[in-house]
Amino acid sequence: GRGCLYLSIKKRQQDVVRFLEANRIEFEEVDITMSEEKRQWMYKNIPEDRQPAQGNPLPPQIFSDDRYCGDYDGFFESKESNTVFSFLGLKPTLASKVSVVFLNCKQLA
């Protein structure tokens, strides 16, 4: 059910955050749980060809400034192939602000 989905989302969010912290990549978490405005911003800033066939995109979604980087699957693939910096649009030494859009699972459970 829904609880299981939220656990999966939470685990993915933690995975992204842990990686960014471990690599000292500055980031901001954007909580869309209670903010319709932030949720609409997320939907609007994900290119149409990257939207799911049905329903809305699920967090975590990753942006670098306002540029869409991708979803968790894209992040995971880039982690496996050691290309996270290019996935994030970063040069390994150049810091820029990464945003991770997430749901606060506690408020949804």
PDB file of N, CA and C in Angstrom:
ATOM      1  N   GLY A   1       0.807  -1.203   0.000  1.00  0.00           N
ATOM      2  CA  GLY A   1       0.000   0.000   0.000  1.00  0.00           C
ATOM      3  C   GLY A   1       0.842   1.255   0.000  1.00  0.00           C
ATOM      4  N   ARG A   2       0.193   2.348   0.383  1.00  0.00           N
ATOM      5  CA  ARG A   2       0.848   3.655   0.353  1.00  0.00           C
ATOM      6  C   ARG A   2       2.061   3.728   1.276  1.00  0.00           C
ATOM      7  N   GLY A   3       1.954   3.101   2.447  1.00  0.00           N
ATOM      8  CA  GLY A   3       3.067   3.137   3.391  1.00  0.00           C
ATOM      9  C   GLY A   3       4.346   2.603   2.776  1.00  0.00           C
ATOM     10  N   CYS A   4       4.208   1.535   2.012  1.00  0.00           N
ATOM     11  CA  CYS A   4       5.350   0.903   1.360  1.00  0.00           C
ATOM     12  C   CYS A   4       5.963   1.856   0.326  1.00  0.00           C
ATOM     13  N   LEU A   5       5.108   2.533  -0.430  1.00  0.00           N
ATOM     14  CA  LEU A   5       5.578   3.499  -1.427  1.00  0.00           C
ATOM     15  C   LEU A   5       6.363   4.614  -0.747  1.00  0.00           C
ATOM     16  N   TYR A   6       5.832   5.125   0.366  1.00  0.00           N
ATOM     17  CA  TYR A   6       6.512   6.217   1.061  1.00  0.00           C
ATOM     18  C   TYR A   6       7.852   5.763   1.636  1.00  0.00           C
ATOM     19  N   LEU A   7       7.913   4.509   2.097  1.00  0.00           N
ATOM     20  CA  LEU A   7       9.181   3.984   2.606  1.00  0.00           C
ATOM     21  C   LEU A   7      10.213   3.946   1.495  1.00  0.00           C
ATOM     22  N   SER A   8       9.783   3.524   0.316  1.00  0.00           N
ATOM     23  CA  SER A   8      10.678   3.458  -0.833  1.00  0.00           C
ATOM     24  C   SER A   8      11.164   4.858  -1.212  1.00  0.00           C
ATOM     25  N   ILE A   9      10.252   5.832  -1.209  1.00  0.00           N
ATOM     26  CA  ILE A   9      10.611   7.220  -1.518  1.00  0.00           C
ATOM     27  C   ILE A   9      11.603   7.731  -0.475  1.00  0.00           C
ATOM     28  N   LYS A  10      11.314   7.462   0.793  1.00  0.00           N
ATOM     29  CA  LYS A  10      12.183   7.935   1.878  1.00  0.00           C
ATOM     30  C   LYS A  10      13.586   7.339   1.751  1.00  0.00           C
ATOM     31  N   LYS A  11      13.669   6.051   1.442  1.00  0.00           N
ATOM     32  CA  LYS A  11      14.952   5.373   1.301  1.00  0.00           C
ATOM     33  C   LYS A  11      15.743   6.000   0.148  1.00  0.00           C
ATOM     34  N   ARG A  12      15.059   6.271  -0.951  1.00  0.00           N
ATOM     35  CA  ARG A  12      15.725   6.874  -2.114  1.00  0.00           C
ATOM     36  C   ARG A  12      16.221   8.279  -1.784  1.00  0.00           C
ATOM     37  N   GLN A  13      15.388   9.038  -1.069  1.00  0.00           N
ATOM     38  CA  GLN A  13      15.786  10.398  -0.671  1.00  0.00           C
ATOM     39  C   GLN A  13      17.034  10.348   0.201  1.00  0.00           C
ATOM     40  N   GLN A  14      17.030   9.421   1.168  1.00  0.00           N
ATOM     41  CA  GLN A  14      18.180   9.306   2.073  1.00  0.00           C
ATOM     42  C   GLN A  14      19.435   8.914   1.301  1.00  0.00           C
ATOM     43  N   ASP A  15      19.280   8.063   0.311  1.00  0.00           N
ATOM     44  CA  ASP A  15      20.396   7.618  -0.515  1.00  0.00           C
ATOM     45  C   ASP A  15      21.034   8.815  -1.237  1.00  0.00           C
ATOM     46  N   VAL A  16      20.187   9.657  -1.827  1.00  0.00           N
ATOM     47  CA  VAL A  16      20.675  10.842  -2.545  1.00  0.00           C
ATOM     48  C   VAL A  16      21.374  11.787  -1.566  1.00  0.00           C
ATOM     49  N   VAL A  17      20.713  12.076  -0.451  1.00  0.00           N
ATOM     50  CA  VAL A  17      21.255  13.016   0.536  1.00  0.00           C
ATOM     51  C   VAL A  17      22.589  12.511   1.097  1.00  0.00           C
ATOM     52  N   ARG A  18      22.650  11.215   1.433  1.00  0.00           N
ATOM     53  CA  ARG A  18      23.903  10.648   1.966  1.00  0.00           C
ATOM     54  C   ARG A  18      25.043  10.804   0.971  1.00  0.00           C
ATOM     55  N   PHE A  19      24.751  10.542  -0.302  1.00  0.00           N
ATOM     56  CA  PHE A  19      25.797  10.661  -1.322  1.00  0.00           C
ATOM     57  C   PHE A  19      26.285  12.108  -1.433  1.00  0.00           C
ATOM     58  N   LEU A  20      25.339  13.048  -1.478  1.00  0.00           N
ATOM     59  CA  LEU A  20      25.717  14.462  -1.603  1.00  0.00           C
ATOM     60  C   LEU A  20      26.544  14.904  -0.398  1.00  0.00           C
ATOM     61  N   GLU A  21      26.114  14.490   0.796  1.00  0.00           N
ATOM     62  CA  GLU A  21      26.859  14.852   2.013  1.00  0.00           C
ATOM     63  C   GLU A  21      28.257  14.241   1.998  1.00  0.00           C
ATOM     64  N   ALA A  22      28.343  12.961   1.635  1.00  0.00           N
ATOM     65  CA  ALA A  22      29.636  12.264   1.631  1.00  0.00           C
ATOM     66  C   ALA A  22      30.609  12.915   0.653  1.00  0.00           C
ATOM     67  N   ASN A  23      30.071  13.482  -0.427  1.00  0.00           N
ATOM     68  CA  ASN A  23      30.920  14.108  -1.444  1.00  0.00           C
ATOM     69  C   ASN A  23      31.007  15.618  -1.272  1.00  0.00           C
ATOM     70  N   ARG A  24      30.521  16.094  -0.130  1.00  0.00           N
ATOM     71  CA  ARG A  24      30.565  17.524   0.210  1.00  0.00           C
ATOM     72  C   ARG A  24      29.999  18.396  -0.912  1.00  0.00           C
ATOM     73  N   ILE A  25      28.892  17.936  -1.475  1.00  0.00           N
ATOM     74  CA  ILE A  25      28.198  18.726  -2.493  1.00  0.00           C
ATOM     75  C   ILE A  25      27.109  19.507  -1.771  1.00  0.00           C
ATOM     76  N   GLU A  26      27.172  20.819  -1.879  1.00  0.00           N
ATOM     77  CA  GLU A  26      26.192  21.660  -1.193  1.00  0.00           C
ATOM     78  C   GLU A  26      24.823  21.432  -1.833  1.00  0.00           C
ATOM     79  N   PHE A  27      23.815  21.252  -1.015  1.00  0.00           N
ATOM     80  CA  PHE A  27      22.476  21.037  -1.569  1.00  0.00           C
ATOM     81  C   PHE A  27      21.432  21.583  -0.626  1.00  0.00           C
ATOM     82  N   GLU A  28      20.250  21.709  -1.174  1.00  0.00           N
ATOM     83  CA  GLU A  28      19.109  22.183  -0.396  1.00  0.00           C
ATOM     84  C   GLU A  28      18.005  21.159  -0.607  1.00  0.00           C
ATOM     85  N   GLU A  29      17.322  20.786   0.469  1.00  0.00           N
ATOM     86  CA  GLU A  29      16.180  19.885   0.333  1.00  0.00           C
ATOM     87  C   GLU A  29      14.920  20.733   0.213  1.00  0.00           C
ATOM     88  N   VAL A  30      14.133  20.442  -0.796  1.00  0.00           N
ATOM     89  CA  VAL A  30      12.892  21.186  -1.025  1.00  0.00           C
ATOM     90  C   VAL A  30      11.731  20.251  -0.695  1.00  0.00           C
ATOM     91  N   ASP A  31      11.032  20.550   0.388  1.00  0.00           N
ATOM     92  CA  ASP A  31       9.936  19.695   0.850  1.00  0.00           C
ATOM     93  C   ASP A  31       8.636  20.121   0.167  1.00  0.00           C
ATOM     94  N   ILE A  32       8.100  19.230  -0.679  1.00  0.00           N
ATOM     95  CA  ILE A  32       6.855  19.574  -1.392  1.00  0.00           C
ATOM     96  C   ILE A  32       5.619  19.016  -0.692  1.00  0.00           C
ATOM     97  N   THR A  33       5.810  18.394   0.476  1.00  0.00           N
ATOM     98  CA  THR A  33       4.701  17.717   1.146  1.00  0.00           C
ATOM     99  C   THR A  33       3.504  18.636   1.363  1.00  0.00           C
ATOM    100  N   MET A  34       3.759  19.803   1.930  1.00  0.00           N
ATOM    101  CA  MET A  34       2.664  20.697   2.282  1.00  0.00           C
ATOM    102  C   MET A  34       2.646  21.963   1.423  1.00  0.00           C
ATOM    103  N   SER A  35       3.394  21.959   0.325  1.00  0.00           N
ATOM    104  CA  SER A  35       3.469  23.172  -0.486  1.00  0.00           C
ATOM    105  C   SER A  35       3.050  22.904  -1.923  1.00  0.00           C
ATOM    106  N   GLU A  36       1.830  23.300  -2.244  1.00  0.00           N
ATOM    107  CA  GLU A  36       1.322  23.152  -3.602  1.00  0.00           C
ATOM    108  C   GLU A  36       2.199  23.936  -4.577  1.00  0.00           C
ATOM    109  N   GLU A  37       2.655  25.105  -4.141  1.00  0.00           N
ATOM    110  CA  GLU A  37       3.482  25.966  -4.999  1.00  0.00           C
ATOM    111  C   GLU A  37       4.793  25.264  -5.393  1.00  0.00           C
ATOM    112  N   LYS A  38       5.459  24.650  -4.419  1.00  0.00           N
ATOM    113  CA  LYS A  38       6.721  23.949  -4.706  1.00  0.00           C
ATOM    114  C   LYS A  38       6.469  22.709  -5.557  1.00  0.00           C
ATOM    115  N   ARG A  39       5.338  22.051  -5.295  1.00  0.00           N
ATOM    116  CA  ARG A  39       4.984  20.866  -6.088  1.00  0.00           C
ATOM    117  C   ARG A  39       4.779  21.264  -7.547  1.00  0.00           C
ATOM    118  N   GLN A  40       4.046  22.356  -7.777  1.00  0.00           N
ATOM    119  CA  GLN A  40       3.814  22.834  -9.145  1.00  0.00           C
ATOM    120  C   GLN A  40       5.127  23.244  -9.809  1.00  0.00           C
ATOM    121  N   TRP A  41       6.027  23.864  -9.028  1.00  0.00           N
ATOM    122  CA  TRP A  41       7.342  24.239  -9.557  1.00  0.00           C
ATOM    123  C   TRP A  41       8.076  22.992 -10.046  1.00  0.00           C
ATOM    124  N   MET A  42       8.029  21.930  -9.245  1.00  0.00           N
ATOM    125  CA  MET A  42       8.700  20.683  -9.622  1.00  0.00           C
ATOM    126  C   MET A  42       8.115  20.134 -10.922  1.00  0.00           C
ATOM    127  N   TYR A  43       6.771  20.043 -10.982  1.00  0.00           N
ATOM    128  CA  TYR A  43       6.134  19.493 -12.185  1.00  0.00           C
ATOM    129  C   TYR A  43       6.496  20.321 -13.411  1.00  0.00           C
ATOM    130  N   LYS A  44       6.478  21.644 -13.240  1.00  0.00           N
ATOM    131  CA  LYS A  44       6.713  22.557 -14.360  1.00  0.00           C
ATOM    132  C   LYS A  44       8.155  22.474 -14.865  1.00  0.00           C
ATOM    133  N   ASN A  45       9.090  22.190 -13.964  1.00  0.00           N
ATOM    134  CA  ASN A  45      10.504  22.209 -14.328  1.00  0.00           C
ATOM    135  C   ASN A  45      11.070  20.855 -14.749  1.00  0.00           C
ATOM    136  N   ILE A  46      10.226  19.839 -14.789  1.00  0.00           N
ATOM    137  CA  ILE A  46      10.656  18.551 -15.334  1.00  0.00           C
ATOM    138  C   ILE A  46      10.228  18.537 -16.797  1.00  0.00           C
ATOM    139  N   PRO A  47      11.189  18.403 -17.726  1.00  0.00           N
ATOM    140  CA  PRO A  47      10.828  18.439 -19.149  1.00  0.00           C
ATOM    141  C   PRO A  47       9.769  17.392 -19.490  1.00  0.00           C
ATOM    142  N   GLU A  48       8.937  17.736 -20.462  1.00  0.00           N
ATOM    143  CA  GLU A  48       7.815  16.863 -20.809  1.00  0.00           C
ATOM    144  C   GLU A  48       8.268  15.452 -21.178  1.00  0.00           C
ATOM    145  N   ASP A  49       9.387  15.348 -21.893  1.00  0.00           N
ATOM    146  CA  ASP A  49       9.851  14.018 -22.318  1.00  0.00           C
ATOM    147  C   ASP A  49      10.424  13.196 -21.157  1.00  0.00           C
ATOM    148  N   ARG A  50      10.551  13.801 -19.985  1.00  0.00           N
ATOM    149  CA  ARG A  50      11.056  13.065 -18.815  1.00  0.00           C
ATOM    150  C   ARG A  50       9.937  12.811 -17.799  1.00  0.00           C
ATOM    151  N   GLN A  51       8.716  13.231 -18.129  1.00  0.00           N
ATOM    152  CA  GLN A  51       7.568  13.005 -17.234  1.00  0.00           C
ATOM    153  C   GLN A  51       7.116  11.548 -17.373  1.00  0.00           C
ATOM    154  N   PRO A  52       6.566  10.961 -16.305  1.00  0.00           N
ATOM    155  CA  PRO A  52       6.050   9.589 -16.430  1.00  0.00           C
ATOM    156  C   PRO A  52       4.838   9.549 -17.362  1.00  0.00           C
ATOM    157  N   ALA A  53       4.616   8.392 -17.980  1.00  0.00           N
ATOM    158  CA  ALA A  53       3.491   8.242 -18.910  1.00  0.00           C
ATOM    159  C   ALA A  53       2.163   8.495 -18.204  1.00  0.00           C
ATOM    160  N   GLN A  54       2.079   8.078 -16.939  1.00  0.00           N
ATOM    161  CA  GLN A  54       0.847   8.282 -16.170  1.00  0.00           C
ATOM    162  C   GLN A  54       1.173   8.870 -14.812  1.00  0.00           C
ATOM    163  N   GLY A  55       0.289   9.713 -14.343  1.00  0.00           N
ATOM    164  CA  GLY A  55       0.463  10.278 -13.006  1.00  0.00           C
ATOM    165  C   GLY A  55       1.551  11.341 -12.963  1.00  0.00           C
ATOM    166  N   ASN A  56       1.871  11.774 -11.764  1.00  0.00           N
ATOM    167  CA  ASN A  56       2.882  12.809 -11.572  1.00  0.00           C
ATOM    168  C   ASN A  56       4.228  12.192 -11.220  1.00  0.00           C
ATOM    169  N   PRO A  57       5.313  12.907 -11.510  1.00  0.00           N
ATOM    170  CA  PRO A  57       6.635  12.406 -11.122  1.00  0.00           C
ATOM    171  C   PRO A  57       6.739  12.318  -9.600  1.00  0.00           C
ATOM    172  N   LEU A  58       7.362  11.268  -9.116  1.00  0.00           N
ATOM    173  CA  LEU A  58       7.529  11.086  -7.670  1.00  0.00           C
ATOM    174  C   LEU A  58       8.904  11.563  -7.231  1.00  0.00           C
ATOM    175  N   PRO A  59       9.003  12.125  -6.040  1.00  0.00           N
ATOM    176  CA  PRO A  59      10.308  12.474  -5.489  1.00  0.00           C
ATOM    177  C   PRO A  59      11.112  11.196  -5.209  1.00  0.00           C
ATOM    178  N   PRO A  60      12.416  11.283  -5.038  1.00  0.00           N
ATOM    179  CA  PRO A  60      13.185  12.514  -5.193  1.00  0.00           C
ATOM    180  C   PRO A  60      13.422  12.876  -6.660  1.00  0.00           C
ATOM    181  N   GLN A  61      13.352  14.165  -6.947  1.00  0.00           N
ATOM    182  CA  GLN A  61      13.712  14.720  -8.250  1.00  0.00           C
ATOM    183  C   GLN A  61      14.877  15.664  -7.990  1.00  0.00           C
ATOM    184  N   ILE A  62      15.834  15.692  -8.880  1.00  0.00           N
ATOM    185  CA  ILE A  62      17.069  16.425  -8.603  1.00  0.00           C
ATOM    186  C   ILE A  62      17.273  17.534  -9.629  1.00  0.00           C
ATOM    187  N   PHE A  63      17.564  18.721  -9.114  1.00  0.00           N
ATOM    188  CA  PHE A  63      17.792  19.904  -9.944  1.00  0.00           C
ATOM    189  C   PHE A  63      19.133  20.520  -9.561  1.00  0.00           C
ATOM    190  N   SER A  64      19.781  21.155 -10.540  1.00  0.00           N
ATOM    191  CA  SER A  64      20.978  21.942 -10.249  1.00  0.00           C
ATOM    192  C   SER A  64      20.615  23.366 -10.626  1.00  0.00           C
ATOM    193  N   ASP A  65      20.534  24.244  -9.637  1.00  0.00           N
ATOM    194  CA  ASP A  65      19.891  25.538  -9.798  1.00  0.00           C
ATOM    195  C   ASP A  65      18.489  25.240 -10.326  1.00  0.00           C
ATOM    196  N   ASP A  66      18.085  25.770 -11.483  1.00  0.00           N
ATOM    197  CA  ASP A  66      16.744  25.432 -11.985  1.00  0.00           C
ATOM    198  C   ASP A  66      16.792  24.386 -13.093  1.00  0.00           C
ATOM    199  N   ARG A  67      17.971  23.853 -13.379  1.00  0.00           N
ATOM    200  CA  ARG A  67      18.104  22.865 -14.460  1.00  0.00           C
ATOM    201  C   ARG A  67      17.772  21.479 -13.911  1.00  0.00           C
ATOM    202  N   TYR A  68      16.906  20.780 -14.638  1.00  0.00           N
ATOM    203  CA  TYR A  68      16.509  19.441 -14.211  1.00  0.00           C
ATOM    204  C   TYR A  68      17.635  18.455 -14.496  1.00  0.00           C
ATOM    205  N   CYS A  69      18.051  17.714 -13.475  1.00  0.00           N
ATOM    206  CA  CYS A  69      19.093  16.693 -13.646  1.00  0.00           C
ATOM    207  C   CYS A  69      18.465  15.324 -13.915  1.00  0.00           C
ATOM    208  N   GLY A  70      17.441  14.991 -13.119  1.00  0.00           N
ATOM    209  CA  GLY A  70      16.800  13.701 -13.309  1.00  0.00           C
ATOM    210  C   GLY A  70      16.162  13.196 -12.032  1.00  0.00           C
ATOM    211  N   ASP A  71      15.678  11.965 -12.125  1.00  0.00           N
ATOM    212  CA  ASP A  71      15.014  11.344 -10.983  1.00  0.00           C
ATOM    213  C   ASP A  71      15.981  10.387 -10.293  1.00  0.00           C
ATOM    214  N   TYR A  72      15.458   9.607  -9.375  1.00  0.00           N
ATOM    215  CA  TYR A  72      16.324   8.711  -8.617  1.00  0.00           C
ATOM    216  C   TYR A  72      16.988   7.671  -9.517  1.00  0.00           C
ATOM    217  N   ASP A  73      16.244   7.132 -10.488  1.00  0.00           N
ATOM    218  CA  ASP A  73      16.826   6.095 -11.353  1.00  0.00           C
ATOM    219  C   ASP A  73      18.033   6.640 -12.114  1.00  0.00           C
ATOM    220  N   GLY A  74      17.892   7.866 -12.624  1.00  0.00           N
ATOM    221  CA  GLY A  74      19.011   8.502 -13.323  1.00  0.00           C
ATOM    222  C   GLY A  74      20.186   8.728 -12.391  1.00  0.00           C
ATOM    223  N   PHE A  75      19.879   9.170 -11.178  1.00  0.00           N
ATOM    224  CA  PHE A  75      20.914   9.388 -10.167  1.00  0.00           C
ATOM    225  C   PHE A  75      21.634   8.076  -9.853  1.00  0.00           C
ATOM    226  N   PHE A  76      20.848   7.017  -9.640  1.00  0.00           N
ATOM    227  CA  PHE A  76      21.416   5.718  -9.277  1.00  0.00           C
ATOM    228  C   PHE A  76      22.324   5.196 -10.390  1.00  0.00           C
ATOM    229  N   GLU A  77      21.854   5.298 -11.643  1.00  0.00           N
ATOM    230  CA  GLU A  77      22.668   4.845 -12.780  1.00  0.00           C
ATOM    231  C   GLU A  77      23.978   5.624 -12.842  1.00  0.00           C
ATOM    232  N   SER A  78      23.897   6.945 -12.619  1.00  0.00           N
ATOM    233  CA  SER A  78      25.111   7.761 -12.694  1.00  0.00           C
ATOM    234  C   SER A  78      26.061   7.416 -11.540  1.00  0.00           C
ATOM    235  N   LYS A  79      25.491   7.047 -10.396  1.00  0.00           N
ATOM    236  CA  LYS A  79      26.326   6.650  -9.254  1.00  0.00           C
ATOM    237  C   LYS A  79      27.061   5.349  -9.581  1.00  0.00           C
ATOM    238  N   GLU A  80      26.330   4.409 -10.177  1.00  0.00           N
ATOM    239  CA  GLU A  80      26.918   3.114 -10.531  1.00  0.00           C
ATOM    240  C   GLU A  80      28.036   3.272 -11.564  1.00  0.00           C
ATOM    241  N   SER A  81      27.882   4.240 -12.473  1.00  0.00           N
ATOM    242  CA  SER A  81      28.874   4.401 -13.542  1.00  0.00           C
ATOM    243  C   SER A  81      29.858   5.537 -13.251  1.00  0.00           C
ATOM    244  N   ASN A  82      29.834   6.026 -11.996  1.00  0.00           N
ATOM    245  CA  ASN A  82      30.766   7.086 -11.587  1.00  0.00           C
ATOM    246  C   ASN A  82      30.652   8.359 -12.408  1.00  0.00           C
ATOM    247  N   THR A  83      29.433   8.724 -12.774  1.00  0.00           N
ATOM    248  CA  THR A  83      29.244   9.942 -13.572  1.00  0.00           C
ATOM    249  C   THR A  83      28.304  10.925 -12.878  1.00  0.00           C
ATOM    250  N   VAL A  84      28.246  10.866 -11.540  1.00  0.00           N
ATOM    251  CA  VAL A  84      27.305  11.719 -10.808  1.00  0.00           C
ATOM    252  C   VAL A  84      27.566  13.203 -11.050  1.00  0.00           C
ATOM    253  N   PHE A  85      28.839  13.595 -11.100  1.00  0.00           N
ATOM    254  CA  PHE A  85      29.112  15.023 -11.281  1.00  0.00           C
ATOM    255  C   PHE A  85      28.549  15.520 -12.608  1.00  0.00           C
ATOM    256  N   SER A  86      28.712  14.734 -13.681  1.00  0.00           N
ATOM    257  CA  SER A  86      28.130  15.193 -14.948  1.00  0.00           C
ATOM    258  C   SER A  86      26.609  15.097 -14.924  1.00  0.00           C
ATOM    259  N   PHE A  87      26.057  14.088 -14.216  1.00  0.00           N
ATOM    260  CA  PHE A  87      24.604  14.002 -14.037  1.00  0.00           C
ATOM    261  C   PHE A  87      24.081  15.279 -13.376  1.00  0.00           C
ATOM    262  N   LEU A  88      24.823  15.762 -12.382  1.00  0.00           N
ATOM    263  CA  LEU A  88      24.420  16.970 -11.658  1.00  0.00           C
ATOM    264  C   LEU A  88      24.817  18.244 -12.393  1.00  0.00           C
ATOM    265  N   GLY A  89      25.548  18.091 -13.500  1.00  0.00           N
ATOM    266  CA  GLY A  89      25.999  19.269 -14.236  1.00  0.00           C
ATOM    267  C   GLY A  89      27.087  20.017 -13.496  1.00  0.00           C
ATOM    268  N   LEU A  90      27.871  19.300 -12.687  1.00  0.00           N
ATOM    269  CA  LEU A  90      28.931  19.931 -11.889  1.00  0.00           C
ATOM    270  C   LEU A  90      30.293  19.485 -12.392  1.00  0.00           C
ATOM    271  N   LYS A  91      31.260  20.363 -12.253  1.00  0.00           N
ATOM    272  CA  LYS A  91      32.644  19.940 -12.411  1.00  0.00           C
ATOM    273  C   LYS A  91      33.055  19.446 -11.024  1.00  0.00           C
ATOM    274  N   PRO A  92      33.844  18.381 -10.945  1.00  0.00           N
ATOM    275  CA  PRO A  92      34.157  17.796  -9.636  1.00  0.00           C
ATOM    276  C   PRO A  92      34.655  18.792  -8.587  1.00  0.00           C
ATOM    277  N   THR A  93      35.285  19.880  -8.998  1.00  0.00           N
ATOM    278  CA  THR A  93      35.805  20.806  -7.995  1.00  0.00           C
ATOM    279  C   THR A  93      34.924  22.030  -7.821  1.00  0.00           C
ATOM    280  N   LEU A  94      33.984  22.226  -8.727  1.00  0.00           N
ATOM    281  CA  LEU A  94      33.205  23.462  -8.726  1.00  0.00           C
ATOM    282  C   LEU A  94      31.876  23.237  -8.012  1.00  0.00           C
ATOM    283  N   ALA A  95      31.679  23.937  -6.933  1.00  0.00           N
ATOM    284  CA  ALA A  95      30.431  23.759  -6.187  1.00  0.00           C
ATOM    285  C   ALA A  95      29.329  24.595  -6.814  1.00  0.00           C
ATOM    286  N   SER A  96      28.167  24.030  -6.917  1.00  0.00           N
ATOM    287  CA  SER A  96      26.985  24.818  -7.248  1.00  0.00           C
ATOM    288  C   SER A  96      25.856  24.220  -6.442  1.00  0.00           C
ATOM    289  N   LYS A  97      24.739  24.883  -6.411  1.00  0.00           N
ATOM    290  CA  LYS A  97      23.677  24.482  -5.490  1.00  0.00           C
ATOM    291  C   LYS A  97      22.803  23.413  -6.136  1.00  0.00           C
ATOM    292  N   VAL A  98      22.702  22.289  -5.484  1.00  0.00           N
ATOM    293  CA  VAL A  98      21.858  21.192  -5.950  1.00  0.00           C
ATOM    294  C   VAL A  98      20.613  21.170  -5.069  1.00  0.00           C
ATOM    295  N   SER A  99      19.451  20.977  -5.685  1.00  0.00           N
ATOM    296  CA  SER A  99      18.211  20.862  -4.915  1.00  0.00           C
ATOM    297  C   SER A  99      17.669  19.449  -5.040  1.00  0.00           C
ATOM    298  N   VAL A 100      17.288  18.875  -3.923  1.00  0.00           N
ATOM    299  CA  VAL A 100      16.648  17.569  -3.914  1.00  0.00           C
ATOM    300  C   VAL A 100      15.212  17.794  -3.464  1.00  0.00           C
ATOM    301  N   VAL A 101      14.269  17.533  -4.362  1.00  0.00           N
ATOM    302  CA  VAL A 101      12.861  17.723  -4.028  1.00  0.00           C
ATOM    303  C   VAL A 101      12.365  16.434  -3.380  1.00  0.00           C
ATOM    304  N   PHE A 102      11.754  16.561  -2.208  1.00  0.00           N
ATOM    305  CA  PHE A 102      11.358  15.358  -1.486  1.00  0.00           C
ATOM    306  C   PHE A 102      10.000  15.521  -0.825  1.00  0.00           C
ATOM    307  N   LEU A 103       9.471  14.387  -0.387  1.00  0.00           N
ATOM    308  CA  LEU A 103       8.248  14.352   0.412  1.00  0.00           C
ATOM    309  C   LEU A 103       8.635  14.084   1.855  1.00  0.00           C
ATOM    310  N   ASN A 104       7.964  14.729   2.785  1.00  0.00           N
ATOM    311  CA  ASN A 104       8.174  14.432   4.193  1.00  0.00           C
ATOM    312  C   ASN A 104       7.279  13.250   4.547  1.00  0.00           C
ATOM    313  N   CYS A 105       7.863  12.066   4.577  1.00  0.00           N
ATOM    314  CA  CYS A 105       7.074  10.842   4.747  1.00  0.00           C
ATOM    315  C   CYS A 105       6.332  10.801   6.077  1.00  0.00           C
ATOM    316  N   LYS A 106       6.879  11.454   7.105  1.00  0.00           N
ATOM    317  CA  LYS A 106       6.209  11.445   8.414  1.00  0.00           C
ATOM    318  C   LYS A 106       4.832  12.090   8.311  1.00  0.00           C
ATOM    319  N   GLN A 107       4.735  13.155   7.496  1.00  0.00           N
ATOM    320  CA  GLN A 107       3.460  13.861   7.404  1.00  0.00           C
ATOM    321  C   GLN A 107       2.453  13.113   6.536  1.00  0.00           C
ATOM    322  N   LEU A 108       2.930  12.125   5.779  1.00  0.00           N
ATOM    323  CA  LEU A 108       2.026  11.418   4.879  1.00  0.00           C
ATOM    324  C   LEU A 108       1.580  10.075   5.429  1.00  0.00           C
ATOM    325  N   ALA A 109       2.347   9.528   6.360  1.00  0.00           N
ATOM    326  CA  ALA A 109       2.089   8.159   6.820  1.00  0.00           C
ATOM    327  C   ALA A 109       0.720   8.038   7.471  1.00  0.00           C
TER     328      ALA A 109
END
